[in-house]
Amino acid sequence: VFVGADLSDDEVRQMLSDIGDLDPNVPIVMLQGAA
């Protein structure tokens, strides 16, 4: 999962929690700013 920089902190926390419930081993890439 690639998570865009435009998500709010609450959206990111909720997504990470939900993804962890599905499969705690899924690689997650957090994108920042210009990236």
PDB file of all heavy atoms in Angstrom:
ATOM      1  N   VAL A   1       0.857  -1.191   0.000  1.00  0.00           N
ATOM      2  CA  VAL A   1       0.000   0.000   0.000  1.00  0.00           C
ATOM      3  C   VAL A   1       0.889   1.235   0.000  1.00  0.00           C
ATOM      4  O   VAL A   1       1.815   1.330   0.805  1.00  0.00           O
ATOM      5  CB  VAL A   1      -0.934   0.039   1.228  1.00  0.00           C
ATOM      6  CG1 VAL A   1      -1.777   1.306   1.230  1.00  0.00           C
ATOM      7  CG2 VAL A   1      -1.814  -1.198   1.290  1.00  0.00           C
ATOM      8  N   PHE A   2       0.607   2.156  -0.915  1.00  0.00           N
ATOM      9  CA  PHE A   2       1.264   3.459  -0.945  1.00  0.00           C
ATOM     10  C   PHE A   2       0.248   4.462  -0.424  1.00  0.00           C
ATOM     11  O   PHE A   2      -0.840   4.585  -0.982  1.00  0.00           O
ATOM     12  CB  PHE A   2       1.690   3.826  -2.365  1.00  0.00           C
ATOM     13  CG  PHE A   2       2.861   3.031  -2.857  1.00  0.00           C
ATOM     14  CD1 PHE A   2       2.696   1.733  -3.307  1.00  0.00           C
ATOM     15  CD2 PHE A   2       4.134   3.580  -2.851  1.00  0.00           C
ATOM     16  CE1 PHE A   2       3.775   0.990  -3.761  1.00  0.00           C
ATOM     17  CE2 PHE A   2       5.219   2.843  -3.294  1.00  0.00           C
ATOM     18  CZ  PHE A   2       5.035   1.550  -3.754  1.00  0.00           C
ATOM     19  N   VAL A   3       0.601   5.182   0.632  1.00  0.00           N
ATOM     20  CA  VAL A   3      -0.322   6.135   1.262  1.00  0.00           C
ATOM     21  C   VAL A   3       0.133   7.544   0.916  1.00  0.00           C
ATOM     22  O   VAL A   3       1.251   7.946   1.243  1.00  0.00           O
ATOM     23  CB  VAL A   3      -0.364   5.933   2.794  1.00  0.00           C
ATOM     24  CG1 VAL A   3      -1.293   6.949   3.440  1.00  0.00           C
ATOM     25  CG2 VAL A   3      -0.798   4.506   3.130  1.00  0.00           C
ATOM     26  N   GLY A   4      -0.745   8.290   0.257  1.00  0.00           N
ATOM     27  CA  GLY A   4      -0.431   9.639  -0.194  1.00  0.00           C
ATOM     28  C   GLY A   4      -0.255  10.630   0.936  1.00  0.00           C
ATOM     29  O   GLY A   4      -0.794  10.467   2.036  1.00  0.00           O
ATOM     30  N   ALA A   5       0.489  11.684   0.642  1.00  0.00           N
ATOM     31  CA  ALA A   5       0.789  12.721   1.632  1.00  0.00           C
ATOM     32  C   ALA A   5      -0.418  13.578   1.963  1.00  0.00           C
ATOM     33  O   ALA A   5      -0.404  14.302   2.954  1.00  0.00           O
ATOM     34  CB  ALA A   5       1.922  13.604   1.115  1.00  0.00           C
ATOM     35  N   ASP A   6      -1.471  13.502   1.136  1.00  0.00           N
ATOM     36  CA  ASP A   6      -2.616  14.385   1.380  1.00  0.00           C
ATOM     37  C   ASP A   6      -3.658  13.798   2.333  1.00  0.00           C
ATOM     38  O   ASP A   6      -4.689  14.392   2.567  1.00  0.00           O
ATOM     39  CB  ASP A   6      -3.264  14.804   0.057  1.00  0.00           C
ATOM     40  CG  ASP A   6      -3.909  13.657  -0.697  1.00  0.00           C
ATOM     41  OD1 ASP A   6      -3.731  12.492  -0.300  1.00  0.00           O
ATOM     42  OD2 ASP A   6      -4.591  13.926  -1.700  1.00  0.00           O
ATOM     43  N   LEU A   7      -3.391  12.643   2.928  1.00  0.00           N
ATOM     44  CA  LEU A   7      -4.309  12.087   3.909  1.00  0.00           C
ATOM     45  C   LEU A   7      -4.072  12.746   5.264  1.00  0.00           C
ATOM     46  O   LEU A   7      -2.929  13.054   5.630  1.00  0.00           O
ATOM     47  CB  LEU A   7      -4.106  10.574   4.050  1.00  0.00           C
ATOM     48  CG  LEU A   7      -4.878   9.692   3.073  1.00  0.00           C
ATOM     49  CD1 LEU A   7      -4.416   9.902   1.658  1.00  0.00           C
ATOM     50  CD2 LEU A   7      -4.768   8.248   3.479  1.00  0.00           C
ATOM     51  N   SER A   8      -5.142  12.927   6.006  1.00  0.00           N
ATOM     52  CA  SER A   8      -5.020  13.497   7.349  1.00  0.00           C
ATOM     53  C   SER A   8      -4.431  12.458   8.295  1.00  0.00           C
ATOM     54  O   SER A   8      -4.425  11.249   8.002  1.00  0.00           O
ATOM     55  CB  SER A   8      -6.392  13.946   7.863  1.00  0.00           C
ATOM     56  OG  SER A   8      -7.189  12.808   8.167  1.00  0.00           O
ATOM     57  N   ASP A   9      -3.939  12.914   9.433  1.00  0.00           N
ATOM     58  CA  ASP A   9      -3.384  11.996  10.433  1.00  0.00           C
ATOM     59  C   ASP A   9      -4.423  10.963  10.871  1.00  0.00           C
ATOM     60  O   ASP A   9      -4.101   9.793  11.041  1.00  0.00           O
ATOM     61  CB  ASP A   9      -2.869  12.761  11.652  1.00  0.00           C
ATOM     62  CG  ASP A   9      -1.602  13.544  11.365  1.00  0.00           C
ATOM     63  OD1 ASP A   9      -0.945  13.267  10.329  1.00  0.00           O
ATOM     64  OD2 ASP A   9      -1.260  14.431  12.166  1.00  0.00           O
ATOM     65  N   ASP A  10      -5.674  11.415  11.050  1.00  0.00           N
ATOM     66  CA  ASP A  10      -6.735  10.486  11.454  1.00  0.00           C
ATOM     67  C   ASP A  10      -6.997   9.435  10.380  1.00  0.00           C
ATOM     68  O   ASP A  10      -7.197   8.257  10.697  1.00  0.00           O
ATOM     69  CB  ASP A  10      -8.036  11.242  11.754  1.00  0.00           C
ATOM     70  CG  ASP A  10      -7.948  12.032  13.053  1.00  0.00           C
ATOM     71  OD1 ASP A  10      -7.088  11.720  13.904  1.00  0.00           O
ATOM     72  OD2 ASP A  10      -8.752  12.974  13.213  1.00  0.00           O
ATOM     73  N   GLU A  11      -6.995   9.841   9.115  1.00  0.00           N
ATOM     74  CA  GLU A  11      -7.201   8.889   8.023  1.00  0.00           C
ATOM     75  C   GLU A  11      -6.072   7.866   7.971  1.00  0.00           C
ATOM     76  O   GLU A  11      -6.309   6.674   7.794  1.00  0.00           O
ATOM     77  CB  GLU A  11      -7.308   9.611   6.678  1.00  0.00           C
ATOM     78  CG  GLU A  11      -8.576  10.415   6.517  1.00  0.00           C
ATOM     79  CD  GLU A  11      -8.573  11.302   5.291  1.00  0.00           C
ATOM     80  OE1 GLU A  11      -7.495  11.834   4.925  1.00  0.00           O
ATOM     81  OE2 GLU A  11      -9.657  11.477   4.692  1.00  0.00           O
ATOM     82  N   VAL A  12      -4.849   8.331   8.153  1.00  0.00           N
ATOM     83  CA  VAL A  12      -3.699   7.426   8.130  1.00  0.00           C
ATOM     84  C   VAL A  12      -3.784   6.432   9.286  1.00  0.00           C
ATOM     85  O   VAL A  12      -3.609   5.216   9.100  1.00  0.00           O
ATOM     86  CB  VAL A  12      -2.368   8.207   8.172  1.00  0.00           C
ATOM     87  CG1 VAL A  12      -1.192   7.268   8.387  1.00  0.00           C
ATOM     88  CG2 VAL A  12      -2.183   9.011   6.892  1.00  0.00           C
ATOM     89  N   ARG A  13      -4.059   6.930  10.495  1.00  0.00           N
ATOM     90  CA  ARG A  13      -4.160   6.036  11.655  1.00  0.00           C
ATOM     91  C   ARG A  13      -5.234   4.975  11.442  1.00  0.00           C
ATOM     92  O   ARG A  13      -5.019   3.793  11.731  1.00  0.00           O
ATOM     93  CB  ARG A  13      -4.450   6.835  12.920  1.00  0.00           C
ATOM     94  CG  ARG A  13      -3.214   7.374  13.593  1.00  0.00           C
ATOM     95  CD  ARG A  13      -3.515   7.889  14.990  1.00  0.00           C
ATOM     96  NE  ARG A  13      -4.260   9.139  14.978  1.00  0.00           N
ATOM     97  CZ  ARG A  13      -3.709  10.339  14.805  1.00  0.00           C
ATOM     98  NH1 ARG A  13      -2.413  10.446  14.638  1.00  0.00           N
ATOM     99  NH2 ARG A  13      -4.444  11.421  14.815  1.00  0.00           N
ATOM    100  N   GLN A  14      -6.395   5.389  10.944  1.00  0.00           N
ATOM    101  CA  GLN A  14      -7.486   4.437  10.725  1.00  0.00           C
ATOM    102  C   GLN A  14      -7.116   3.404   9.666  1.00  0.00           C
ATOM    103  O   GLN A  14      -7.350   2.211   9.837  1.00  0.00           O
ATOM    104  CB  GLN A  14      -8.774   5.174  10.315  1.00  0.00           C
ATOM    105  CG  GLN A  14      -9.976   4.258  10.191  1.00  0.00           C
ATOM    106  CD  GLN A  14     -10.323   3.594  11.512  1.00  0.00           C
ATOM    107  OE1 GLN A  14     -10.492   4.252  12.533  1.00  0.00           O
ATOM    108  NE2 GLN A  14     -10.417   2.269  11.498  1.00  0.00           N
ATOM    109  N   MET A  15      -6.505   3.866   8.562  1.00  0.00           N
ATOM    110  CA  MET A  15      -6.096   2.935   7.509  1.00  0.00           C
ATOM    111  C   MET A  15      -5.069   1.935   8.021  1.00  0.00           C
ATOM    112  O   MET A  15      -5.167   0.734   7.750  1.00  0.00           O
ATOM    113  CB  MET A  15      -5.491   3.692   6.326  1.00  0.00           C
ATOM    114  CG  MET A  15      -6.497   4.174   5.331  1.00  0.00           C
ATOM    115  SD  MET A  15      -5.677   4.637   3.806  1.00  0.00           S
ATOM    116  CE  MET A  15      -5.054   3.062   3.265  1.00  0.00           C
ATOM    117  N   LEU A  16      -4.064   2.414   8.746  1.00  0.00           N
ATOM    118  CA  LEU A  16      -3.035   1.517   9.261  1.00  0.00           C
ATOM    119  C   LEU A  16      -3.636   0.477  10.201  1.00  0.00           C
ATOM    120  O   LEU A  16      -3.259  -0.699  10.167  1.00  0.00           O
ATOM    121  CB  LEU A  16      -1.931   2.300   9.966  1.00  0.00           C
ATOM    122  CG  LEU A  16      -1.095   3.224   9.072  1.00  0.00           C
ATOM    123  CD1 LEU A  16      -0.043   3.948   9.900  1.00  0.00           C
ATOM    124  CD2 LEU A  16      -0.460   2.466   7.921  1.00  0.00           C
ATOM    125  N   SER A  17      -4.582   0.892  11.004  1.00  0.00           N
ATOM    126  CA  SER A  17      -5.255  -0.034  11.905  1.00  0.00           C
ATOM    127  C   SER A  17      -6.049  -1.072  11.106  1.00  0.00           C
ATOM    128  O   SER A  17      -5.965  -2.275  11.383  1.00  0.00           O
ATOM    129  CB  SER A  17      -6.181   0.740  12.837  1.00  0.00           C
ATOM    130  OG  SER A  17      -6.945  -0.145  13.624  1.00  0.00           O
ATOM    131  N   ASP A  18      -6.807  -0.616  10.122  1.00  0.00           N
ATOM    132  CA  ASP A  18      -7.625  -1.527   9.311  1.00  0.00           C
ATOM    133  C   ASP A  18      -6.758  -2.487   8.502  1.00  0.00           C
ATOM    134  O   ASP A  18      -7.063  -3.677   8.398  1.00  0.00           O
ATOM    135  CB  ASP A  18      -8.542  -0.737   8.378  1.00  0.00           C
ATOM    136  CG  ASP A  18      -9.618   0.035   9.126  1.00  0.00           C
ATOM    137  OD1 ASP A  18      -9.854  -0.260  10.323  1.00  0.00           O
ATOM    138  OD2 ASP A  18     -10.219   0.940   8.518  1.00  0.00           O
ATOM    139  N   ILE A  19      -5.677  -1.980   7.920  1.00  0.00           N
ATOM    140  CA  ILE A  19      -4.782  -2.840   7.144  1.00  0.00           C
ATOM    141  C   ILE A  19      -4.110  -3.855   8.065  1.00  0.00           C
ATOM    142  O   ILE A  19      -3.986  -5.028   7.720  1.00  0.00           O
ATOM    143  CB  ILE A  19      -3.736  -1.997   6.379  1.00  0.00           C
ATOM    144  CG1 ILE A  19      -4.428  -1.204   5.266  1.00  0.00           C
ATOM    145  CG2 ILE A  19      -2.640  -2.886   5.807  1.00  0.00           C
ATOM    146  CD1 ILE A  19      -3.552  -0.148   4.625  1.00  0.00           C
ATOM    147  N   GLY A  20      -3.723  -3.413   9.250  1.00  0.00           N
ATOM    148  CA  GLY A  20      -3.126  -4.327  10.225  1.00  0.00           C
ATOM    149  C   GLY A  20      -4.077  -5.438  10.619  1.00  0.00           C
ATOM    150  O   GLY A  20      -3.653  -6.578  10.845  1.00  0.00           O
ATOM    151  N   ASP A  21      -5.371  -5.137  10.677  1.00  0.00           N
ATOM    152  CA  ASP A  21      -6.367  -6.165  10.982  1.00  0.00           C
ATOM    153  C   ASP A  21      -6.488  -7.172   9.840  1.00  0.00           C
ATOM    154  O   ASP A  21      -6.712  -8.362  10.074  1.00  0.00           O
ATOM    155  CB  ASP A  21      -7.740  -5.538  11.246  1.00  0.00           C
ATOM    156  CG  ASP A  21      -7.787  -4.761  12.550  1.00  0.00           C
ATOM    157  OD1 ASP A  21      -6.891  -4.957  13.410  1.00  0.00           O
ATOM    158  OD2 ASP A  21      -8.719  -3.944  12.713  1.00  0.00           O
ATOM    159  N   LEU A  22      -6.340  -6.699   8.584  1.00  0.00           N
ATOM    160  CA  LEU A  22      -6.411  -7.596   7.426  1.00  0.00           C
ATOM    161  C   LEU A  22      -5.169  -8.471   7.322  1.00  0.00           C
ATOM    162  O   LEU A  22      -5.251  -9.674   7.117  1.00  0.00           O
ATOM    163  CB  LEU A  22      -6.546  -6.791   6.124  1.00  0.00           C
ATOM    164  CG  LEU A  22      -7.852  -6.112   5.840  1.00  0.00           C
ATOM    165  CD1 LEU A  22      -7.741  -5.263   4.576  1.00  0.00           C
ATOM    166  CD2 LEU A  22      -8.955  -7.143   5.672  1.00  0.00           C
ATOM    167  N   ASP A  23      -4.011  -7.835   7.399  1.00  0.00           N
ATOM    168  CA  ASP A  23      -2.730  -8.542   7.269  1.00  0.00           C
ATOM    169  C   ASP A  23      -1.637  -7.649   7.838  1.00  0.00           C
ATOM    170  O   ASP A  23      -1.252  -6.662   7.212  1.00  0.00           O
ATOM    171  CB  ASP A  23      -2.440  -8.856   5.804  1.00  0.00           C
ATOM    172  CG  ASP A  23      -1.142  -9.623   5.604  1.00  0.00           C
ATOM    173  OD1 ASP A  23      -0.358  -9.781   6.566  1.00  0.00           O
ATOM    174  OD2 ASP A  23      -0.900 -10.058   4.465  1.00  0.00           O
ATOM    175  N   PRO A  24      -1.117  -7.971   8.999  1.00  0.00           N
ATOM    176  CA  PRO A  24      -0.104  -7.108   9.627  1.00  0.00           C
ATOM    177  C   PRO A  24       1.234  -7.097   8.887  1.00  0.00           C
ATOM    178  O   PRO A  24       2.109  -6.312   9.220  1.00  0.00           O
ATOM    179  CB  PRO A  24       0.055  -7.702  11.025  1.00  0.00           C
ATOM    180  CG  PRO A  24      -0.406  -9.111  10.904  1.00  0.00           C
ATOM    181  CD  PRO A  24      -1.456  -9.126   9.825  1.00  0.00           C
ATOM    182  N   ASN A  25       1.391  -7.923   7.862  1.00  0.00           N
ATOM    183  CA  ASN A  25       2.654  -8.003   7.137  1.00  0.00           C
ATOM    184  C   ASN A  25       2.653  -7.255   5.806  1.00  0.00           C
ATOM    185  O   ASN A  25       3.616  -7.347   5.052  1.00  0.00           O
ATOM    186  CB  ASN A  25       3.019  -9.471   6.892  1.00  0.00           C
ATOM    187  CG  ASN A  25       3.215 -10.213   8.192  1.00  0.00           C
ATOM    188  OD1 ASN A  25       3.917  -9.744   9.070  1.00  0.00           O
ATOM    189  ND2 ASN A  25       2.560 -11.343   8.323  1.00  0.00           N
ATOM    190  N   VAL A  26       1.589  -6.518   5.505  1.00  0.00           N
ATOM    191  CA  VAL A  26       1.525  -5.775   4.254  1.00  0.00           C
ATOM    192  C   VAL A  26       2.524  -4.620   4.301  1.00  0.00           C
ATOM    193  O   VAL A  26       2.481  -3.803   5.221  1.00  0.00           O
ATOM    194  CB  VAL A  26       0.102  -5.216   4.010  1.00  0.00           C
ATOM    195  CG1 VAL A  26       0.075  -4.290   2.806  1.00  0.00           C
ATOM    196  CG2 VAL A  26      -0.893  -6.340   3.831  1.00  0.00           C
ATOM    197  N   PRO A  27       3.418  -4.521   3.312  1.00  0.00           N
ATOM    198  CA  PRO A  27       4.328  -3.375   3.262  1.00  0.00           C
ATOM    199  C   PRO A  27       3.545  -2.094   2.998  1.00  0.00           C
ATOM    200  O   PRO A  27       2.684  -2.054   2.117  1.00  0.00           O
ATOM    201  CB  PRO A  27       5.256  -3.691   2.086  1.00  0.00           C
ATOM    202  CG  PRO A  27       5.092  -5.144   1.821  1.00  0.00           C
ATOM    203  CD  PRO A  27       3.712  -5.497   2.267  1.00  0.00           C
ATOM    204  N   ILE A  28       3.848  -1.054   3.758  1.00  0.00           N
ATOM    205  CA  ILE A  28       3.165   0.234   3.611  1.00  0.00           C
ATOM    206  C   ILE A  28       4.223   1.300   3.376  1.00  0.00           C
ATOM    207  O   ILE A  28       5.175   1.420   4.141  1.00  0.00           O
ATOM    208  CB  ILE A  28       2.329   0.574   4.860  1.00  0.00           C
ATOM    209  CG1 ILE A  28       1.243  -0.494   5.043  1.00  0.00           C
ATOM    210  CG2 ILE A  28       1.715   1.967   4.739  1.00  0.00           C
ATOM    211  CD1 ILE A  28       0.453  -0.359   6.325  1.00  0.00           C
ATOM    212  N   VAL A  29       4.036   2.073   2.307  1.00  0.00           N
ATOM    213  CA  VAL A  29       4.951   3.150   1.962  1.00  0.00           C
ATOM    214  C   VAL A  29       4.217   4.471   2.199  1.00  0.00           C
ATOM    215  O   VAL A  29       3.181   4.719   1.584  1.00  0.00           O
ATOM    216  CB  VAL A  29       5.406   3.065   0.496  1.00  0.00           C
ATOM    217  CG1 VAL A  29       6.322   4.224   0.138  1.00  0.00           C
ATOM    218  CG2 VAL A  29       6.079   1.718   0.227  1.00  0.00           C
ATOM    219  N   MET A  30       4.749   5.280   3.102  1.00  0.00           N
ATOM    220  CA  MET A  30       4.164   6.585   3.389  1.00  0.00           C
ATOM    221  C   MET A  30       4.844   7.628   2.535  1.00  0.00           C
ATOM    222  O   MET A  30       6.055   7.838   2.651  1.00  0.00           O
ATOM    223  CB  MET A  30       4.332   6.914   4.883  1.00  0.00           C
ATOM    224  CG  MET A  30       3.767   5.892   5.838  1.00  0.00           C
ATOM    225  SD  MET A  30       1.976   5.723   5.737  1.00  0.00           S
ATOM    226  CE  MET A  30       1.470   7.331   6.278  1.00  0.00           C
ATOM    227  N   LEU A  31       4.089   8.288   1.654  1.00  0.00           N
ATOM    228  CA  LEU A  31       4.634   9.312   0.795  1.00  0.00           C
ATOM    229  C   LEU A  31       4.571  10.659   1.492  1.00  0.00           C
ATOM    230  O   LEU A  31       3.651  10.915   2.273  1.00  0.00           O
ATOM    231  CB  LEU A  31       3.849   9.369  -0.510  1.00  0.00           C
ATOM    232  CG  LEU A  31       3.815   8.060  -1.295  1.00  0.00           C
ATOM    233  CD1 LEU A  31       2.894   8.183  -2.488  1.00  0.00           C
ATOM    234  CD2 LEU A  31       5.212   7.678  -1.738  1.00  0.00           C
ATOM    235  N   GLN A  32       5.558  11.508   1.221  1.00  0.00           N
ATOM    236  CA  GLN A  32       5.584  12.822   1.846  1.00  0.00           C
ATOM    237  C   GLN A  32       5.776  13.904   0.787  1.00  0.00           C
ATOM    238  O   GLN A  32       6.517  13.707  -0.174  1.00  0.00           O
ATOM    239  CB  GLN A  32       6.737  12.916   2.840  1.00  0.00           C
ATOM    240  CG  GLN A  32       6.590  11.992   4.001  1.00  0.00           C
ATOM    241  CD  GLN A  32       7.736  12.156   4.985  1.00  0.00           C
ATOM    242  OE1 GLN A  32       8.629  12.967   4.798  1.00  0.00           O
ATOM    243  NE2 GLN A  32       7.712  11.376   6.042  1.00  0.00           N
ATOM    244  N   GLY A  33       5.141  15.025   1.012  1.00  0.00           N
ATOM    245  CA  GLY A  33       5.334  16.220   0.211  1.00  0.00           C
ATOM    246  C   GLY A  33       5.502  15.989  -1.265  1.00  0.00           C
ATOM    247  O   GLY A  33       4.673  15.406  -1.914  1.00  0.00           O
ATOM    248  N   ALA A  34       6.611  16.445  -1.819  1.00  0.00           N
ATOM    249  CA  ALA A  34       6.863  16.409  -3.253  1.00  0.00           C
ATOM    250  C   ALA A  34       6.912  14.993  -3.811  1.00  0.00           C
ATOM    251  O   ALA A  34       6.662  14.775  -4.976  1.00  0.00           O
ATOM    252  CB  ALA A  34       8.161  17.132  -3.592  1.00  0.00           C
ATOM    253  N   ALA A  35       7.199  13.995  -2.984  1.00  0.00           N
ATOM    254  CA  ALA A  35       7.269  12.623  -3.460  1.00  0.00           C
ATOM    255  C   ALA A  35       5.913  12.123  -3.917  1.00  0.00           C
ATOM    256  O   ALA A  35       5.808  11.237  -4.715  1.00  0.00           O
ATOM    257  CB  ALA A  35       7.803  11.700  -2.360  1.00  0.00           C
TER     258      ALA A  35
END
